Amino acid sequence: MWRVCKVAFWVIAFLVVMLMMVSIDHRPTIRSSARRVAAKVQIQKLIVALERYRSDVGAFPDAAEGLAALAVNPGITAWRGPYLTTPVSQDPWGNAYLYRYRGDQVPEIVSFGADGKEDGQGPNADISSFTLSTLKESRGAK
């Protein structure tokens, strides 16, 4: 009986250690995944704010005004903002969002992911409003 208990104890201890190792191994992946979801949600909020800005002003903010125009009036009389209830200036990794607008297209908002560098892979992959967008090309800037 003692031998069975001893073997059972070591089997259970081994399984507990393995379970801990697996959960510790996946913790960064879970954190990274949560940050990617948060970045997508923030980009969606910025898209909605850009639509509201364009509805009031008649055009999207230009590249020089950038996303700051959603929070602070860039000197436009038709501006009725702020268009964000909470400021969103950095992605979940602490990097600034990139705002690209060329005037004849819809703007793009980009997070460069965990590494903060363009063209990453996996958890470092870029997150672009073009892949999430509710802005339609057919509704481009006025």
Protein backbone atom coordinates (compact mmCIF):
# COMPACT_ATOMS: atom_id res chain seq x y z
CA MET A 1 0.00 0.00 0.00
CA TRP A 2 2.81 2.40 0.88
CA ARG A 3 4.44 1.84 -2.53
CA VAL A 4 1.22 2.64 -4.39
CA CYS A 5 0.80 5.88 -2.42
CA LYS A 6 4.42 6.83 -3.05
CA VAL A 7 4.11 6.20 -6.80
CA ALA A 8 0.77 8.04 -6.93
CA PHE A 9 2.33 11.01 -5.12
CA TRP A 10 5.20 11.27 -7.62
CA VAL A 11 2.88 10.88 -10.61
CA ILE A 12 0.63 13.66 -9.30
CA ALA A 13 3.65 15.86 -8.49
CA PHE A 14 4.99 15.31 -12.02
CA LEU A 15 1.63 16.22 -13.56
CA VAL A 16 1.36 19.37 -11.44
CA VAL A 17 4.86 20.48 -12.48
CA MET A 18 4.07 19.80 -16.14
CA LEU A 19 0.82 21.74 -15.89
CA MET A 20 2.65 24.69 -14.32
CA MET A 21 5.27 24.63 -17.06
CA VAL A 22 2.62 24.62 -19.77
CA SER A 23 0.70 27.50 -18.19
CA ILE A 24 3.89 29.54 -17.71
CA ASP A 25 4.89 28.78 -21.29
CA HIS A 26 1.57 30.10 -22.66
CA ARG A 27 1.32 33.21 -20.47
CA PRO A 28 3.29 35.48 -22.85
CA THR A 29 1.23 34.20 -25.78
CA ILE A 30 -1.99 34.98 -23.96
CA ARG A 31 -0.71 38.44 -23.00
CA SER A 32 0.41 39.12 -26.57
CA SER A 33 -2.93 37.97 -27.94
CA ALA A 34 -4.80 40.22 -25.50
CA ARG A 35 -2.68 43.19 -26.57
CA ARG A 36 -3.40 42.48 -30.23
CA VAL A 37 -7.14 42.40 -29.49
CA ALA A 38 -6.83 45.67 -27.53
CA ALA A 39 -5.00 47.30 -30.45
CA LYS A 40 -7.75 46.21 -32.85
CA VAL A 41 -10.42 47.64 -30.53
CA GLN A 42 -8.53 50.93 -30.21
CA ILE A 43 -8.10 51.17 -33.99
CA GLN A 44 -11.84 50.58 -34.42
CA LYS A 45 -12.53 53.43 -31.95
CA LEU A 46 -10.21 55.69 -33.92
CA ILE A 47 -12.00 54.74 -37.16
CA VAL A 48 -15.38 55.67 -35.65
CA ALA A 49 -13.92 58.97 -34.41
CA LEU A 50 -12.47 59.67 -37.88
CA GLU A 51 -15.90 59.06 -39.44
CA ARG A 52 -17.49 61.51 -36.99
CA TYR A 53 -14.74 64.06 -37.71
CA ARG A 54 -15.28 63.71 -41.46
CA SER A 55 -19.03 64.00 -41.03
CA ASP A 56 -18.59 67.36 -39.26
CA VAL A 57 -15.62 68.81 -41.13
CA GLY A 58 -16.16 67.32 -44.60
CA ALA A 59 -12.76 65.60 -44.85
CA PHE A 60 -10.44 63.47 -42.80
CA PRO A 61 -7.61 65.16 -40.89
CA ASP A 62 -4.57 65.62 -43.11
CA ALA A 63 -1.27 63.91 -42.32
CA ALA A 64 0.06 66.97 -40.48
CA GLU A 65 -3.03 67.20 -38.22
CA GLY A 66 -3.04 63.45 -37.68
CA LEU A 67 -4.97 61.72 -34.93
CA ALA A 68 -4.44 64.72 -32.63
CA ALA A 69 -7.23 66.46 -34.60
CA LEU A 70 -9.68 64.04 -32.99
CA ALA A 71 -8.91 65.45 -29.55
CA VAL A 72 -7.88 69.07 -30.20
CA ASN A 73 -9.37 71.48 -32.73
CA PRO A 74 -6.77 72.10 -35.43
CA GLY A 75 -8.37 75.49 -36.16
CA ILE A 76 -11.35 74.33 -38.22
CA THR A 77 -14.66 76.13 -37.59
CA ALA A 78 -16.81 73.07 -38.39
CA TRP A 79 -14.93 70.98 -35.77
CA ARG A 80 -17.36 69.74 -33.07
CA GLY A 81 -15.04 67.46 -31.11
CA PRO A 82 -13.43 66.06 -29.20
CA TYR A 83 -14.32 62.90 -31.08
CA LEU A 84 -12.83 60.47 -28.55
CA THR A 85 -14.25 59.91 -25.07
CA THR A 86 -10.85 58.70 -23.89
CA PRO A 87 -7.60 59.67 -25.59
CA VAL A 88 -5.89 56.93 -27.58
CA SER A 89 -2.39 57.97 -28.54
CA GLN A 90 -0.41 54.80 -27.97
CA ASP A 91 -0.95 51.18 -28.83
CA PRO A 92 -0.96 48.52 -26.06
CA TRP A 93 2.85 48.19 -26.41
CA GLY A 94 3.39 51.90 -25.71
CA ASN A 95 4.15 52.90 -29.31
CA ALA A 96 2.40 55.71 -31.15
CA TYR A 97 -0.15 54.75 -33.78
CA LEU A 98 0.87 55.64 -37.31
CA TYR A 99 -1.67 57.75 -39.23
CA ARG A 100 -1.33 57.74 -43.02
CA TYR A 101 -3.54 59.92 -45.17
CA ARG A 102 -2.81 60.88 -48.74
CA GLY A 103 -5.92 62.98 -49.38
CA ASP A 104 -7.46 60.89 -52.15
CA GLN A 105 -7.92 57.67 -50.15
CA VAL A 106 -9.27 56.67 -46.78
CA PRO A 107 -6.74 57.06 -43.97
CA GLU A 108 -4.84 54.14 -42.51
CA ILE A 109 -4.09 53.63 -38.82
CA VAL A 110 -1.29 51.20 -38.01
CA SER A 111 0.16 49.58 -34.92
CA PHE A 112 3.50 47.93 -35.58
CA GLY A 113 2.83 45.21 -32.99
CA ALA A 114 5.01 44.03 -30.13
CA ASP A 115 8.36 44.98 -31.66
CA GLY A 116 7.24 48.45 -32.78
CA LYS A 117 8.81 47.89 -36.21
CA GLU A 118 7.17 47.71 -39.61
CA ASP A 119 6.50 44.35 -41.30
CA GLY A 120 6.76 42.05 -38.28
CA GLN A 121 5.59 38.45 -38.14
CA GLY A 122 3.55 36.58 -35.52
CA PRO A 123 3.12 38.70 -32.36
CA ASN A 124 5.18 41.41 -34.06
CA ALA A 125 2.85 41.59 -37.07
CA ASP A 126 1.45 44.98 -38.01
CA ILE A 127 -2.21 45.70 -37.31
CA SER A 128 -3.76 47.97 -39.93
CA SER A 129 -7.14 49.63 -40.14
CA PHE A 130 -7.24 48.46 -43.76
CA THR A 131 -7.70 44.88 -42.56
CA LEU A 132 -10.24 45.85 -39.88
CA SER A 133 -11.83 48.85 -41.47
CA THR A 134 -15.42 49.90 -41.50
CA LEU A 135 -14.30 52.80 -43.71
CA LYS A 136 -15.18 51.89 -47.26
CA GLU A 137 -13.02 52.81 -50.26
CA SER A 138 -16.18 53.82 -52.07
CA ARG A 139 -16.88 56.39 -49.38
CA GLY A 140 -13.38 57.92 -49.66
CA ALA A 141 -12.64 61.46 -48.53
CA LYS A 142 -14.87 64.22 -49.82
